[in-house]
Amino acid sequence: MFIFGSKSLLGIFSHLMLVLILTGCASRTALVDFDKNTNFNQLRSFYIYSVSDEDQIGAVRIVDRAQFLFENKGALIAEAEFSDASVEIEHYIEEQENDSRFSIGLGTGSYGRSGSISVGGSVDLPVSNDLIPFAVVILRVIVKDKVVWQGSQRVEVEKGGNQSIGLAQVEALDDILREYPLSKKLDI
């Protein structure tokens, strides 16, 4: 004997599926890899720098943001010779082809007692031949010339020029540093 009617079960199931789909679409996490033998609680001071030479304005923006985020997590920013670890940030813009396509299909066939045969085909037509820009940020934490933690993220750049590139870079960096294992969590 069921307590709920079939319509209410269907409603509950459809609401649950909607929540799961929205949660899956909303979550975006950075790709992270780290050395399991490193005690990250011992790393208190960091020297942060960019290795990307092409975009000096972006480098300053990203380094400033990283320093701000590390300080908010309780870390100290120091010169290279006085730091426990170095934070190397690489950033660039990557363009990917827009793979939006529209498919047209045409087919014919028969089905019967004596067997079946079908003939058909389809044509894929590109909707757009634009390139989509992505801001890519890679952050490496280095201790004694050894990478002990690495995170990377790629965020699509919205149309709008250099300001949009900067926003996408900052968003990618924020996603990466949400995953970094310091004692305080980021509230971004």
C-alpha atoms as a PDB file:
ATOM      1  CA  MET A   1       0.000   0.000   0.000  1.00  0.00           C
ATOM      2  CA  PHE A   2       1.382   3.411  -0.996  1.00  0.00           C
ATOM      3  CA  ILE A   3       1.021   6.449   1.209  1.00  0.00           C
ATOM      4  CA  PHE A   4       1.422   8.859  -1.696  1.00  0.00           C
ATOM      5  CA  GLY A   5      -0.572   8.832  -4.888  1.00  0.00           C
ATOM      6  CA  SER A   6       1.172   8.313  -8.211  1.00  0.00           C
ATOM      7  CA  LYS A   7       0.755  11.994  -9.131  1.00  0.00           C
ATOM      8  CA  SER A   8       2.464  13.193  -5.951  1.00  0.00           C
ATOM      9  CA  LEU A   9       5.347  10.731  -6.461  1.00  0.00           C
ATOM     10  CA  LEU A  10       5.752  12.016 -10.001  1.00  0.00           C
ATOM     11  CA  GLY A  11       5.764  15.590  -8.701  1.00  0.00           C
ATOM     12  CA  ILE A  12       8.350  14.812  -6.036  1.00  0.00           C
ATOM     13  CA  PHE A  13      10.512  12.990  -8.568  1.00  0.00           C
ATOM     14  CA  SER A  14      10.322  15.846 -11.099  1.00  0.00           C
ATOM     15  CA  HIS A  15      11.249  18.431  -8.434  1.00  0.00           C
ATOM     16  CA  LEU A  16      14.157  16.268  -7.289  1.00  0.00           C
ATOM     17  CA  MET A  17      15.424  15.930 -10.867  1.00  0.00           C
ATOM     18  CA  LEU A  18      15.166  19.702 -11.382  1.00  0.00           C
ATOM     19  CA  VAL A  19      17.204  20.353  -8.231  1.00  0.00           C
ATOM     20  CA  LEU A  20      19.866  17.842  -9.312  1.00  0.00           C
ATOM     21  CA  ILE A  21      20.123  19.345 -12.798  1.00  0.00           C
ATOM     22  CA  LEU A  22      20.385  22.902 -11.479  1.00  0.00           C
ATOM     23  CA  THR A  23      22.992  21.853  -8.915  1.00  0.00           C
ATOM     24  CA  GLY A  24      25.048  20.143 -11.596  1.00  0.00           C
ATOM     25  CA  CYS A  25      24.890  23.171 -13.881  1.00  0.00           C
ATOM     26  CA  ALA A  26      25.743  25.641 -11.126  1.00  0.00           C
ATOM     27  CA  SER A  27      28.754  23.858  -9.712  1.00  0.00           C
ATOM     28  CA  ARG A  28      32.125  24.555 -11.258  1.00  0.00           C
ATOM     29  CA  THR A  29      35.258  23.353  -9.587  1.00  0.00           C
ATOM     30  CA  ALA A  30      38.857  23.776 -10.549  1.00  0.00           C
ATOM     31  CA  LEU A  31      41.080  20.852 -11.477  1.00  0.00           C
ATOM     32  CA  VAL A  32      43.441  20.245  -8.565  1.00  0.00           C
ATOM     33  CA  ASP A  33      46.421  17.990  -7.888  1.00  0.00           C
ATOM     34  CA  PHE A  34      48.675  17.989  -4.824  1.00  0.00           C
ATOM     35  CA  ASP A  35      51.444  16.164  -2.992  1.00  0.00           C
ATOM     36  CA  LYS A  36      49.827  14.076  -0.250  1.00  0.00           C
ATOM     37  CA  ASN A  37      53.034  14.160   1.823  1.00  0.00           C
ATOM     38  CA  THR A  38      53.021  17.954   2.195  1.00  0.00           C
ATOM     39  CA  ASN A  39      51.739  19.489   5.425  1.00  0.00           C
ATOM     40  CA  PHE A  40      50.018  22.605   4.098  1.00  0.00           C
ATOM     41  CA  ASN A  41      49.428  23.931   7.628  1.00  0.00           C
ATOM     42  CA  GLN A  42      53.169  24.644   7.860  1.00  0.00           C
ATOM     43  CA  LEU A  43      53.043  26.937   4.817  1.00  0.00           C
ATOM     44  CA  ARG A  44      52.273  30.382   6.250  1.00  0.00           C
ATOM     45  CA  SER A  45      54.098  32.871   4.016  1.00  0.00           C
ATOM     46  CA  PHE A  46      53.939  33.067   0.236  1.00  0.00           C
ATOM     47  CA  TYR A  47      55.712  34.878  -2.573  1.00  0.00           C
ATOM     48  CA  ILE A  48      53.241  35.327  -5.447  1.00  0.00           C
ATOM     49  CA  TYR A  49      54.276  36.081  -9.039  1.00  0.00           C
ATOM     50  CA  SER A  50      53.101  35.694 -12.641  1.00  0.00           C
ATOM     51  CA  VAL A  51      55.060  33.844 -15.327  1.00  0.00           C
ATOM     52  CA  SER A  52      52.957  35.228 -18.205  1.00  0.00           C
ATOM     53  CA  ASP A  53      54.827  37.929 -20.106  1.00  0.00           C
ATOM     54  CA  GLU A  54      52.299  38.805 -22.827  1.00  0.00           C
ATOM     55  CA  ASP A  55      49.663  40.431 -20.601  1.00  0.00           C
ATOM     56  CA  GLN A  56      51.330  42.642 -17.988  1.00  0.00           C
ATOM     57  CA  ILE A  57      48.086  44.373 -16.985  1.00  0.00           C
ATOM     58  CA  GLY A  58      46.392  41.014 -16.444  1.00  0.00           C
ATOM     59  CA  ALA A  59      49.435  39.780 -14.512  1.00  0.00           C
ATOM     60  CA  VAL A  60      49.222  42.679 -12.056  1.00  0.00           C
ATOM     61  CA  ARG A  61      45.465  42.172 -11.632  1.00  0.00           C
ATOM     62  CA  ILE A  62      45.827  38.420 -11.021  1.00  0.00           C
ATOM     63  CA  VAL A  63      48.785  38.723  -8.625  1.00  0.00           C
ATOM     64  CA  ASP A  64      46.973  41.438  -6.634  1.00  0.00           C
ATOM     65  CA  ARG A  65      43.844  39.285  -6.434  1.00  0.00           C
ATOM     66  CA  ALA A  66      45.849  36.205  -5.373  1.00  0.00           C
ATOM     67  CA  GLN A  67      47.619  38.204  -2.645  1.00  0.00           C
ATOM     68  CA  PHE A  68      44.255  39.478  -1.398  1.00  0.00           C
ATOM     69  CA  LEU A  69      42.756  35.951  -1.331  1.00  0.00           C
ATOM     70  CA  PHE A  70      45.777  34.418   0.423  1.00  0.00           C
ATOM     71  CA  GLU A  71      45.752  37.195   3.047  1.00  0.00           C
ATOM     72  CA  ASN A  72      42.024  36.594   3.626  1.00  0.00           C
ATOM     73  CA  LYS A  73      42.880  32.960   4.359  1.00  0.00           C
ATOM     74  CA  GLY A  74      45.371  34.036   7.024  1.00  0.00           C
ATOM     75  CA  ALA A  75      48.572  33.769   4.981  1.00  0.00           C
ATOM     76  CA  LEU A  76      51.411  36.281   4.914  1.00  0.00           C
ATOM     77  CA  ILE A  77      52.762  37.745   1.685  1.00  0.00           C
ATOM     78  CA  ALA A  78      56.571  37.863   1.666  1.00  0.00           C
ATOM     79  CA  GLU A  79      59.549  38.305  -0.631  1.00  0.00           C
ATOM     80  CA  ALA A  80      60.880  35.136  -2.274  1.00  0.00           C
ATOM     81  CA  GLU A  81      63.829  34.624   0.078  1.00  0.00           C
ATOM     82  CA  PHE A  82      61.647  34.942   3.220  1.00  0.00           C
ATOM     83  CA  SER A  83      58.639  32.850   2.144  1.00  0.00           C
ATOM     84  CA  ASP A  84      57.687  29.265   2.976  1.00  0.00           C
ATOM     85  CA  ALA A  85      56.399  28.724  -0.572  1.00  0.00           C
ATOM     86  CA  SER A  86      56.216  30.436  -3.947  1.00  0.00           C
ATOM     87  CA  VAL A  87      52.973  30.763  -5.872  1.00  0.00           C
ATOM     88  CA  GLU A  88      53.478  30.761  -9.625  1.00  0.00           C
ATOM     89  CA  ILE A  89      50.529  31.929 -11.715  1.00  0.00           C
ATOM     90  CA  GLU A  90      50.250  31.308 -15.437  1.00  0.00           C
ATOM     91  CA  HIS A  91      47.400  32.843 -17.404  1.00  0.00           C
ATOM     92  CA  TYR A  92      46.438  33.135 -21.042  1.00  0.00           C
ATOM     93  CA  ILE A  93      43.484  33.360 -23.400  1.00  0.00           C
ATOM     94  CA  GLU A  94      42.604  30.215 -25.316  1.00  0.00           C
ATOM     95  CA  GLU A  95      40.221  30.254 -28.262  1.00  0.00           C
ATOM     96  CA  GLN A  96      38.037  27.305 -29.119  1.00  0.00           C
ATOM     97  CA  GLU A  97      35.876  26.813 -32.189  1.00  0.00           C
ATOM     98  CA  ASN A  98      32.175  27.259 -31.654  1.00  0.00           C
ATOM     99  CA  ASP A  99      30.872  23.758 -32.270  1.00  0.00           C
ATOM    100  CA  SER A 100      27.190  24.689 -32.386  1.00  0.00           C
ATOM    101  CA  ARG A 101      25.586  22.665 -35.156  1.00  0.00           C
ATOM    102  CA  PHE A 102      22.168  22.176 -36.663  1.00  0.00           C
ATOM    103  CA  SER A 103      21.410  18.701 -38.027  1.00  0.00           C
ATOM    104  CA  ILE A 104      18.970  17.963 -40.832  1.00  0.00           C
ATOM    105  CA  GLY A 105      18.018  14.345 -41.378  1.00  0.00           C
ATOM    106  CA  LEU A 106      16.137  12.628 -44.179  1.00  0.00           C
ATOM    107  CA  GLY A 107      15.309   8.966 -44.340  1.00  0.00           C
ATOM    108  CA  THR A 108      12.975   6.361 -45.653  1.00  0.00           C
ATOM    109  CA  GLY A 109      12.390   2.747 -44.847  1.00  0.00           C
ATOM    110  CA  SER A 110       9.912  -0.029 -44.570  1.00  0.00           C
ATOM    111  CA  TYR A 111       8.994  -2.501 -41.921  1.00  0.00           C
ATOM    112  CA  GLY A 112       7.123  -5.660 -42.564  1.00  0.00           C
ATOM    113  CA  ARG A 113       6.873  -9.404 -42.244  1.00  0.00           C
ATOM    114  CA  SER A 114       9.404 -10.121 -44.948  1.00  0.00           C
ATOM    115  CA  GLY A 115      12.167  -7.969 -43.430  1.00  0.00           C
ATOM    116  CA  SER A 116      13.088  -4.351 -43.384  1.00  0.00           C
ATOM    117  CA  ILE A 117      15.350  -1.956 -45.143  1.00  0.00           C
ATOM    118  CA  SER A 118      16.023   1.689 -44.511  1.00  0.00           C
ATOM    119  CA  VAL A 119      17.937   4.380 -46.309  1.00  0.00           C
ATOM    120  CA  GLY A 120      18.742   7.750 -44.853  1.00  0.00           C
ATOM    121  CA  GLY A 121      21.270  10.421 -44.206  1.00  0.00           C
ATOM    122  CA  SER A 122      21.860  13.596 -42.319  1.00  0.00           C
ATOM    123  CA  VAL A 123      23.718  16.831 -42.818  1.00  0.00           C
ATOM    124  CA  ASP A 124      25.355  18.868 -40.044  1.00  0.00           C
ATOM    125  CA  LEU A 125      25.347  22.589 -40.669  1.00  0.00           C
ATOM    126  CA  PRO A 126      27.468  24.891 -38.491  1.00  0.00           C
ATOM    127  CA  VAL A 127      25.395  27.582 -36.812  1.00  0.00           C
ATOM    128  CA  SER A 128      28.355  29.886 -36.335  1.00  0.00           C
ATOM    129  CA  ASN A 129      32.033  29.880 -37.214  1.00  0.00           C
ATOM    130  CA  ASP A 130      33.045  32.131 -34.318  1.00  0.00           C
ATOM    131  CA  LEU A 131      35.878  31.418 -31.933  1.00  0.00           C
ATOM    132  CA  ILE A 132      34.959  31.383 -28.245  1.00  0.00           C
ATOM    133  CA  PRO A 133      37.624  32.871 -25.933  1.00  0.00           C
ATOM    134  CA  PHE A 134      38.389  31.242 -22.581  1.00  0.00           C
ATOM    135  CA  ALA A 135      40.495  32.681 -19.765  1.00  0.00           C
ATOM    136  CA  VAL A 136      42.824  29.951 -18.500  1.00  0.00           C
ATOM    137  CA  VAL A 137      44.561  30.309 -15.120  1.00  0.00           C
ATOM    138  CA  ILE A 138      47.035  27.790 -13.690  1.00  0.00           C
ATOM    139  CA  LEU A 139      48.342  28.230 -10.138  1.00  0.00           C
ATOM    140  CA  ARG A 140      51.254  26.235  -8.722  1.00  0.00           C
ATOM    141  CA  VAL A 141      52.467  26.242  -5.109  1.00  0.00           C
ATOM    142  CA  ILE A 142      56.193  25.494  -5.066  1.00  0.00           C
ATOM    143  CA  VAL A 143      58.280  24.489  -2.032  1.00  0.00           C
ATOM    144  CA  LYS A 144      62.047  24.042  -2.506  1.00  0.00           C
ATOM    145  CA  ASP A 145      61.758  23.798  -6.320  1.00  0.00           C
ATOM    146  CA  LYS A 146      59.033  21.151  -6.086  1.00  0.00           C
ATOM    147  CA  VAL A 147      55.402  21.694  -7.091  1.00  0.00           C
ATOM    148  CA  VAL A 148      53.316  20.564  -4.100  1.00  0.00           C
ATOM    149  CA  TRP A 149      49.908  21.867  -5.202  1.00  0.00           C
ATOM    150  CA  GLN A 150      48.482  22.808  -8.592  1.00  0.00           C
ATOM    151  CA  GLY A 151      45.080  24.072  -9.631  1.00  0.00           C
ATOM    152  CA  SER A 152      43.737  25.129 -13.009  1.00  0.00           C
ATOM    153  CA  GLN A 153      40.508  26.589 -14.272  1.00  0.00           C
ATOM    154  CA  ARG A 154      39.106  27.779 -17.562  1.00  0.00           C
ATOM    155  CA  VAL A 155      36.248  30.295 -17.759  1.00  0.00           C
ATOM    156  CA  GLU A 156      34.447  31.456 -20.893  1.00  0.00           C
ATOM    157  CA  VAL A 157      34.984  35.155 -21.605  1.00  0.00           C
ATOM    158  CA  GLU A 158      31.711  36.990 -22.099  1.00  0.00           C
ATOM    159  CA  LYS A 159      31.538  39.437 -24.983  1.00  0.00           C
ATOM    160  CA  GLY A 160      32.695  42.857 -23.897  1.00  0.00           C
ATOM    161  CA  GLY A 161      36.409  43.251 -24.493  1.00  0.00           C
ATOM    162  CA  ASN A 162      39.263  43.580 -22.031  1.00  0.00           C
ATOM    163  CA  GLN A 163      37.061  44.166 -18.992  1.00  0.00           C
ATOM    164  CA  SER A 164      35.360  40.814 -19.620  1.00  0.00           C
ATOM    165  CA  ILE A 165      38.747  39.097 -19.938  1.00  0.00           C
ATOM    166  CA  GLY A 166      39.770  40.504 -16.557  1.00  0.00           C
ATOM    167  CA  LEU A 167      36.528  39.357 -14.934  1.00  0.00           C
ATOM    168  CA  ALA A 168      36.934  35.841 -16.365  1.00  0.00           C
ATOM    169  CA  GLN A 169      40.549  35.677 -15.129  1.00  0.00           C
ATOM    170  CA  VAL A 170      39.542  36.749 -11.617  1.00  0.00           C
ATOM    171  CA  GLU A 171      36.643  34.277 -11.623  1.00  0.00           C
ATOM    172  CA  ALA A 172      39.001  31.448 -12.642  1.00  0.00           C
ATOM    173  CA  LEU A 173      41.485  32.402  -9.901  1.00  0.00           C
ATOM    174  CA  ASP A 174      38.693  32.545  -7.298  1.00  0.00           C
ATOM    175  CA  ASP A 175      37.548  29.048  -8.323  1.00  0.00           C
ATOM    176  CA  ILE A 176      41.087  27.703  -7.968  1.00  0.00           C
ATOM    177  CA  LEU A 177      41.751  29.243  -4.567  1.00  0.00           C
ATOM    178  CA  ARG A 178      38.446  27.958  -3.176  1.00  0.00           C
ATOM    179  CA  GLU A 179      40.110  24.558  -3.414  1.00  0.00           C
ATOM    180  CA  TYR A 180      43.429  25.532  -1.803  1.00  0.00           C
ATOM    181  CA  PRO A 181      43.937  23.789   1.561  1.00  0.00           C
ATOM    182  CA  LEU A 182      44.491  26.523   4.115  1.00  0.00           C
ATOM    183  CA  SER A 183      42.728  26.658   7.464  1.00  0.00           C
ATOM    184  CA  LYS A 184      40.304  29.486   6.589  1.00  0.00           C
ATOM    185  CA  LYS A 185      37.766  28.942   3.812  1.00  0.00           C
ATOM    186  CA  LEU A 186      37.171  31.622   1.190  1.00  0.00           C
ATOM    187  CA  ASP A 187      33.841  33.404   1.281  1.00  0.00           C
ATOM    188  CA  ILE A 188      33.690  34.741  -2.253  1.00  0.00           C
END
